[in-house]
Amino acid sequence: MMVLPTARKRRMFIDGKILIDCCAAIAWRNDPQEIAVQLHSKTFIHSAEHYFYHKDSTIKVASHDDLKNYRLALVRGYVYRNEHSFTEAARVGNIDEMLTLVALKRAEIGIVNPYDFTRRLEKRPLPLRLGGQHEASPLSIRIHVSLAHLLPRINAVIDRYLSEGLVESTLPDINFPKS
């Protein structure tokens, strides 16, 4: 399976080359061209994004305003809440590049889902530590308008999975060391 850079994946969705995209938050897909061609299923899970730092860092982020003092590593194509408060950001192509940039101290902070963080560091250990939560977002399946007829069926499956407990509506908190 090939993982596409986020900006390219978003263009491909607009162009109708990708028709179903999981797992998307409406707030993340707010480009007018995307809005014109997308539908979203019901929310099926909520996902948290956390700050992460080099393991030797003493940085603590208490509010979004604290970010203006640091260089952030961010994935191109992602829209970050309160992005206006970021003074300087290094844009990279994917999560692995973002982790590497912070590990090499070329950026001081990154923002990542804790499950992605843990899974990637199990495969490729880096001198990083997970910090506090940046935000939590409701996730849905994004459907190109050309497949609008599938939306009721997708929503019915989500309802069934939630009611049968096959999918939890929130990710469980796992014991990550937090700053």
C-alpha atoms as a PDB file:
ATOM      1  CA  MET A   1       0.000   0.000   0.000  1.00  0.00           C
ATOM      2  CA  MET A   2       1.358   3.407  -0.959  1.00  0.00           C
ATOM      3  CA  VAL A   3       0.767   6.301   1.428  1.00  0.00           C
ATOM      4  CA  LEU A   4       0.224   9.549  -0.431  1.00  0.00           C
ATOM      5  CA  PRO A   5       1.346  12.938   0.836  1.00  0.00           C
ATOM      6  CA  THR A   6      -1.676  14.639   2.369  1.00  0.00           C
ATOM      7  CA  ALA A   7      -1.809  17.578  -0.059  1.00  0.00           C
ATOM      8  CA  ARG A   8      -1.716  15.220  -3.055  1.00  0.00           C
ATOM      9  CA  LYS A   9      -4.408  12.992  -1.545  1.00  0.00           C
ATOM     10  CA  ARG A  10      -6.634  16.023  -1.022  1.00  0.00           C
ATOM     11  CA  ARG A  11      -6.191  17.123  -4.666  1.00  0.00           C
ATOM     12  CA  MET A  12      -6.975  13.596  -5.841  1.00  0.00           C
ATOM     13  CA  PHE A  13     -10.204  13.636  -3.841  1.00  0.00           C
ATOM     14  CA  ILE A  14     -11.217  16.959  -5.406  1.00  0.00           C
ATOM     15  CA  ASP A  15     -10.451  15.538  -8.861  1.00  0.00           C
ATOM     16  CA  GLY A  16     -12.528  12.420  -8.178  1.00  0.00           C
ATOM     17  CA  LYS A  17      -9.528  10.054  -8.301  1.00  0.00           C
ATOM     18  CA  ILE A  18     -10.130   9.112  -4.659  1.00  0.00           C
ATOM     19  CA  LEU A  19     -13.812   8.603  -3.863  1.00  0.00           C
ATOM     20  CA  ILE A  20     -13.848   7.426  -0.245  1.00  0.00           C
ATOM     21  CA  ASP A  21     -11.511   8.711   2.454  1.00  0.00           C
ATOM     22  CA  CYS A  22     -11.268   7.539   6.015  1.00  0.00           C
ATOM     23  CA  CYS A  23     -10.886   8.940   8.601  1.00  0.00           C
ATOM     24  CA  ALA A  24     -11.612  12.599   8.114  1.00  0.00           C
ATOM     25  CA  ALA A  25     -12.719  15.412  10.360  1.00  0.00           C
ATOM     26  CA  ILE A  26     -14.957  18.007   8.758  1.00  0.00           C
ATOM     27  CA  ALA A  27     -12.797  20.764  10.262  1.00  0.00           C
ATOM     28  CA  TRP A  28      -9.731  19.321   8.493  1.00  0.00           C
ATOM     29  CA  ARG A  29     -11.351  19.300   5.058  1.00  0.00           C
ATOM     30  CA  ASN A  30     -12.482  22.897   4.747  1.00  0.00           C
ATOM     31  CA  ASP A  31     -11.020  23.988   1.421  1.00  0.00           C
ATOM     32  CA  PRO A  32     -13.866  25.397  -0.754  1.00  0.00           C
ATOM     33  CA  GLN A  33     -13.018  22.952  -3.564  1.00  0.00           C
ATOM     34  CA  GLU A  34     -13.256  20.040  -1.129  1.00  0.00           C
ATOM     35  CA  ILE A  35     -16.487  21.300   0.423  1.00  0.00           C
ATOM     36  CA  ALA A  36     -18.036  21.384  -3.056  1.00  0.00           C
ATOM     37  CA  VAL A  37     -17.389  17.668  -3.699  1.00  0.00           C
ATOM     38  CA  GLN A  38     -17.549  15.970  -0.294  1.00  0.00           C
ATOM     39  CA  LEU A  39     -20.128  14.418   1.943  1.00  0.00           C
ATOM     40  CA  HIS A  40     -19.415  13.086   5.433  1.00  0.00           C
ATOM     41  CA  SER A  41     -20.857  10.064   7.146  1.00  0.00           C
ATOM     42  CA  LYS A  42     -21.970  10.111  10.744  1.00  0.00           C
ATOM     43  CA  THR A  43     -19.177  10.450  13.276  1.00  0.00           C
ATOM     44  CA  PHE A  44     -17.946   7.026  14.277  1.00  0.00           C
ATOM     45  CA  ILE A  45     -15.008   7.858  16.516  1.00  0.00           C
ATOM     46  CA  HIS A  46     -13.242  10.796  18.169  1.00  0.00           C
ATOM     47  CA  SER A  47      -9.501  11.097  17.808  1.00  0.00           C
ATOM     48  CA  ALA A  48      -7.073  13.140  19.880  1.00  0.00           C
ATOM     49  CA  GLU A  49      -3.983  14.927  18.630  1.00  0.00           C
ATOM     50  CA  HIS A  50      -1.114  15.458  21.067  1.00  0.00           C
ATOM     51  CA  TYR A  51       2.036  17.533  21.106  1.00  0.00           C
ATOM     52  CA  PHE A  52       5.320  15.684  20.991  1.00  0.00           C
ATOM     53  CA  TYR A  53       8.868  16.808  21.716  1.00  0.00           C
ATOM     54  CA  HIS A  54      12.450  15.607  21.718  1.00  0.00           C
ATOM     55  CA  LYS A  55      12.951  13.444  24.821  1.00  0.00           C
ATOM     56  CA  ASP A  56      15.412  16.006  26.258  1.00  0.00           C
ATOM     57  CA  SER A  57      13.061  18.946  25.782  1.00  0.00           C
ATOM     58  CA  THR A  58      11.695  20.830  28.773  1.00  0.00           C
ATOM     59  CA  ILE A  59       8.915  22.493  26.734  1.00  0.00           C
ATOM     60  CA  LYS A  60       5.404  22.426  28.168  1.00  0.00           C
ATOM     61  CA  VAL A  61       2.470  23.782  26.193  1.00  0.00           C
ATOM     62  CA  ALA A  62      -0.268  25.107  28.471  1.00  0.00           C
ATOM     63  CA  SER A  63      -2.210  26.959  25.732  1.00  0.00           C
ATOM     64  CA  HIS A  64      -2.130  27.474  21.982  1.00  0.00           C
ATOM     65  CA  ASP A  65      -0.476  30.849  22.588  1.00  0.00           C
ATOM     66  CA  ASP A  66       2.613  29.049  23.888  1.00  0.00           C
ATOM     67  CA  LEU A  67       3.239  27.680  20.374  1.00  0.00           C
ATOM     68  CA  LYS A  68       4.326  31.059  19.005  1.00  0.00           C
ATOM     69  CA  ASN A  69       7.642  30.673  20.822  1.00  0.00           C
ATOM     70  CA  TYR A  70       8.642  27.448  19.070  1.00  0.00           C
ATOM     71  CA  ARG A  71       9.366  25.964  15.657  1.00  0.00           C
ATOM     72  CA  LEU A  72       6.709  23.369  14.868  1.00  0.00           C
ATOM     73  CA  ALA A  73       6.998  20.420  12.492  1.00  0.00           C
ATOM     74  CA  LEU A  74       3.683  20.064  10.647  1.00  0.00           C
ATOM     75  CA  VAL A  75       2.475  17.856   7.801  1.00  0.00           C
ATOM     76  CA  ARG A  76       1.721  19.767   4.581  1.00  0.00           C
ATOM     77  CA  GLY A  77      -1.948  19.629   3.677  1.00  0.00           C
ATOM     78  CA  TYR A  78      -3.196  19.294   7.256  1.00  0.00           C
ATOM     79  CA  VAL A  79      -5.139  22.187   8.735  1.00  0.00           C
ATOM     80  CA  TYR A  80      -4.267  22.777  12.381  1.00  0.00           C
ATOM     81  CA  ARG A  81      -6.549  24.549  14.815  1.00  0.00           C
ATOM     82  CA  ASN A  82      -5.150  27.929  15.927  1.00  0.00           C
ATOM     83  CA  GLU A  83      -2.539  27.720  13.182  1.00  0.00           C
ATOM     84  CA  HIS A  84      -2.413  31.522  13.224  1.00  0.00           C
ATOM     85  CA  SER A  85      -0.594  31.295  16.555  1.00  0.00           C
ATOM     86  CA  PHE A  86       2.317  29.298  15.117  1.00  0.00           C
ATOM     87  CA  THR A  87       5.255  31.663  14.619  1.00  0.00           C
ATOM     88  CA  GLU A  88       7.344  29.357  12.484  1.00  0.00           C
ATOM     89  CA  ALA A  89       6.477  25.953  11.070  1.00  0.00           C
ATOM     90  CA  ALA A  90       8.516  23.425   9.116  1.00  0.00           C
ATOM     91  CA  ARG A  91       6.183  21.696   6.646  1.00  0.00           C
ATOM     92  CA  VAL A  92       6.961  18.085   5.785  1.00  0.00           C
ATOM     93  CA  GLY A  93       5.355  15.426   3.607  1.00  0.00           C
ATOM     94  CA  ASN A  94       4.212  12.916   6.213  1.00  0.00           C
ATOM     95  CA  ILE A  95       4.144  11.920   9.884  1.00  0.00           C
ATOM     96  CA  ASP A  96       7.427   9.993   9.720  1.00  0.00           C
ATOM     97  CA  GLU A  97       9.249  13.077   8.392  1.00  0.00           C
ATOM     98  CA  MET A  98       7.664  15.165  11.147  1.00  0.00           C
ATOM     99  CA  LEU A  99       8.859  12.737  13.837  1.00  0.00           C
ATOM    100  CA  THR A 100      12.357  12.737  12.343  1.00  0.00           C
ATOM    101  CA  LEU A 101      12.516  16.543  12.231  1.00  0.00           C
ATOM    102  CA  VAL A 102      11.762  16.793  15.956  1.00  0.00           C
ATOM    103  CA  ALA A 103      14.097  13.885  16.781  1.00  0.00           C
ATOM    104  CA  LEU A 104      16.915  15.737  14.968  1.00  0.00           C
ATOM    105  CA  LYS A 105      15.990  18.961  16.845  1.00  0.00           C
ATOM    106  CA  ARG A 106      15.304  20.822  13.595  1.00  0.00           C
ATOM    107  CA  ALA A 107      11.859  21.559  15.033  1.00  0.00           C
ATOM    108  CA  GLU A 108      10.860  21.707  18.676  1.00  0.00           C
ATOM    109  CA  ILE A 109       7.251  20.489  18.634  1.00  0.00           C
ATOM    110  CA  GLY A 110       5.031  18.331  16.468  1.00  0.00           C
ATOM    111  CA  ILE A 111       1.370  17.381  16.643  1.00  0.00           C
ATOM    112  CA  VAL A 112       0.358  13.742  16.220  1.00  0.00           C
ATOM    113  CA  ASN A 113      -2.250  11.147  17.093  1.00  0.00           C
ATOM    114  CA  PRO A 114      -0.880   9.148  20.052  1.00  0.00           C
ATOM    115  CA  TYR A 115      -1.642   5.830  18.341  1.00  0.00           C
ATOM    116  CA  ASP A 116       0.340   6.877  15.245  1.00  0.00           C
ATOM    117  CA  PHE A 117       3.129   8.077  17.520  1.00  0.00           C
ATOM    118  CA  THR A 118       3.322   4.807  19.457  1.00  0.00           C
ATOM    119  CA  ARG A 119       3.010   2.546  16.411  1.00  0.00           C
ATOM    120  CA  ARG A 120       5.721   4.380  14.501  1.00  0.00           C
ATOM    121  CA  LEU A 121       8.119   4.502  17.457  1.00  0.00           C
ATOM    122  CA  GLU A 122       7.680   0.762  18.023  1.00  0.00           C
ATOM    123  CA  LYS A 123       8.894   0.205  14.447  1.00  0.00           C
ATOM    124  CA  ARG A 124      11.552   2.907  14.471  1.00  0.00           C
ATOM    125  CA  PRO A 125      12.592   4.134  17.927  1.00  0.00           C
ATOM    126  CA  LEU A 126      13.377   7.849  18.097  1.00  0.00           C
ATOM    127  CA  PRO A 127      14.305  10.089  21.057  1.00  0.00           C
ATOM    128  CA  LEU A 128      10.811  11.562  21.414  1.00  0.00           C
ATOM    129  CA  ARG A 129       8.185  11.939  24.129  1.00  0.00           C
ATOM    130  CA  LEU A 130       4.464  12.545  23.908  1.00  0.00           C
ATOM    131  CA  GLY A 131       2.961  15.647  25.502  1.00  0.00           C
ATOM    132  CA  GLY A 132      -0.496  16.929  26.300  1.00  0.00           C
ATOM    133  CA  GLN A 133      -3.526  17.062  24.042  1.00  0.00           C
ATOM    134  CA  HIS A 134      -3.722  19.688  21.295  1.00  0.00           C
ATOM    135  CA  GLU A 135      -7.301  18.902  20.263  1.00  0.00           C
ATOM    136  CA  ALA A 136      -9.817  16.110  19.750  1.00  0.00           C
ATOM    137  CA  SER A 137     -11.762  15.736  16.530  1.00  0.00           C
ATOM    138  CA  PRO A 138     -14.843  13.785  15.472  1.00  0.00           C
ATOM    139  CA  LEU A 139     -13.954  11.486  12.564  1.00  0.00           C
ATOM    140  CA  SER A 140     -16.157  10.338   9.730  1.00  0.00           C
ATOM    141  CA  ILE A 141     -15.880   8.698   6.344  1.00  0.00           C
ATOM    142  CA  ARG A 142     -15.556  11.277   3.586  1.00  0.00           C
ATOM    143  CA  ILE A 143     -17.441  10.384   0.424  1.00  0.00           C
ATOM    144  CA  HIS A 144     -17.140  12.045  -2.972  1.00  0.00           C
ATOM    145  CA  VAL A 145     -20.510  13.443  -4.128  1.00  0.00           C
ATOM    146  CA  SER A 146     -20.424  11.053  -7.084  1.00  0.00           C
ATOM    147  CA  LEU A 147     -21.096   8.261  -4.546  1.00  0.00           C
ATOM    148  CA  ALA A 148     -23.828  10.092  -2.607  1.00  0.00           C
ATOM    149  CA  HIS A 149     -26.112   7.057  -3.017  1.00  0.00           C
ATOM    150  CA  LEU A 150     -23.794   5.102  -0.660  1.00  0.00           C
ATOM    151  CA  LEU A 151     -24.096   7.531   2.260  1.00  0.00           C
ATOM    152  CA  PRO A 152     -27.281   6.026   3.785  1.00  0.00           C
ATOM    153  CA  ARG A 153     -25.750   2.528   3.653  1.00  0.00           C
ATOM    154  CA  ILE A 154     -22.485   3.714   5.207  1.00  0.00           C
ATOM    155  CA  ASN A 155     -24.370   5.522   7.984  1.00  0.00           C
ATOM    156  CA  ALA A 156     -26.464   2.391   8.638  1.00  0.00           C
ATOM    157  CA  VAL A 157     -23.304   0.305   9.055  1.00  0.00           C
ATOM    158  CA  ILE A 158     -21.833   2.924  11.422  1.00  0.00           C
ATOM    159  CA  ASP A 159     -25.058   2.899  13.479  1.00  0.00           C
ATOM    160  CA  ARG A 160     -24.997  -0.905  13.647  1.00  0.00           C
ATOM    161  CA  TYR A 161     -21.317  -1.068  14.610  1.00  0.00           C
ATOM    162  CA  LEU A 162     -21.777   1.549  17.340  1.00  0.00           C
ATOM    163  CA  SER A 163     -24.940  -0.082  18.726  1.00  0.00           C
ATOM    164  CA  GLU A 164     -23.307  -3.534  18.765  1.00  0.00           C
ATOM    165  CA  GLY A 165     -20.173  -2.169  20.413  1.00  0.00           C
ATOM    166  CA  LEU A 166     -17.954  -3.143  17.478  1.00  0.00           C
ATOM    167  CA  VAL A 167     -16.537   0.386  17.376  1.00  0.00           C
ATOM    168  CA  GLU A 168     -16.127   2.567  20.431  1.00  0.00           C
ATOM    169  CA  SER A 169     -17.240   6.149  19.925  1.00  0.00           C
ATOM    170  CA  THR A 170     -14.088   7.398  21.626  1.00  0.00           C
ATOM    171  CA  LEU A 171     -10.590   6.025  21.647  1.00  0.00           C
ATOM    172  CA  PRO A 172      -9.637   4.726  25.066  1.00  0.00           C
ATOM    173  CA  ASP A 173      -7.029   6.688  26.964  1.00  0.00           C
ATOM    174  CA  ILE A 174      -3.837   4.726  27.124  1.00  0.00           C
ATOM    175  CA  ASN A 175      -1.070   5.379  29.581  1.00  0.00           C
ATOM    176  CA  PHE A 176       1.278   7.565  27.599  1.00  0.00           C
ATOM    177  CA  PRO A 177       3.826   9.579  29.515  1.00  0.00           C
ATOM    178  CA  LYS A 178       2.566  13.141  29.234  1.00  0.00           C
ATOM    179  CA  SER A 179       4.265  16.428  29.939  1.00  0.00           C
END
